[in-house]
Amino acid sequence: MKKTILIILAIVLIAIGLSSCKGSEDCPAYGKANIETENTIA
């Protein structure tokens, strides 16, 4: 039972790692967020 859970967990982690953005590619989420800063000087 423990072996099966470990195998499934390993497969899930490998799938997450393969589907994430690579170092040479730009992730669409990065750099496209509109960040608004509010400058309040009291």
Protein backbone atom coordinates (compact mmCIF):
# COMPACT_ATOMS: atom_id res chain seq x y z
CA MET A 1 0.00 0.00 0.00
CA LYS A 2 2.78 2.42 0.91
CA LYS A 3 4.63 1.52 -2.27
CA THR A 4 1.58 2.33 -4.39
CA ILE A 5 1.12 5.70 -2.73
CA LEU A 6 4.80 6.54 -3.24
CA ILE A 7 4.64 5.57 -6.92
CA ILE A 8 1.51 7.67 -7.49
CA LEU A 9 3.08 10.62 -5.64
CA ALA A 10 6.24 10.33 -7.72
CA ILE A 11 4.24 10.27 -10.96
CA VAL A 12 2.27 13.35 -9.89
CA LEU A 13 5.43 15.24 -8.96
CA ILE A 14 7.09 14.35 -12.25
CA ALA A 15 3.99 15.48 -14.17
CA ILE A 16 3.97 18.80 -12.31
CA GLY A 17 7.66 19.27 -13.02
CA LEU A 18 7.27 18.55 -16.72
CA SER A 19 4.23 20.80 -17.12
CA SER A 20 5.78 23.80 -15.38
CA CYS A 21 7.60 26.49 -17.35
CA LYS A 22 11.10 25.67 -18.45
CA GLY A 23 14.04 27.94 -17.74
CA SER A 24 14.40 28.92 -21.39
CA GLU A 25 10.70 29.72 -21.88
CA ASP A 26 8.82 32.71 -20.52
CA CYS A 27 5.86 31.88 -18.37
CA PRO A 28 2.75 33.72 -19.52
CA ALA A 29 1.88 34.65 -15.94
CA TYR A 30 5.14 36.41 -15.23
CA GLY A 31 5.59 39.99 -16.37
CA LYS A 32 1.98 40.43 -17.45
CA ALA A 33 0.46 41.23 -14.08
CA ASN A 34 -0.55 44.84 -13.61
CA ILE A 35 1.01 45.83 -10.33
CA GLU A 36 -0.29 49.08 -8.95
CA THR A 37 1.60 50.72 -6.14
CA GLU A 38 0.07 53.41 -4.00
CA ASN A 39 2.47 56.04 -2.77
CA THR A 40 1.12 57.59 0.39
CA ILE A 41 3.51 59.84 2.22
CA ALA A 42 2.21 60.99 5.58
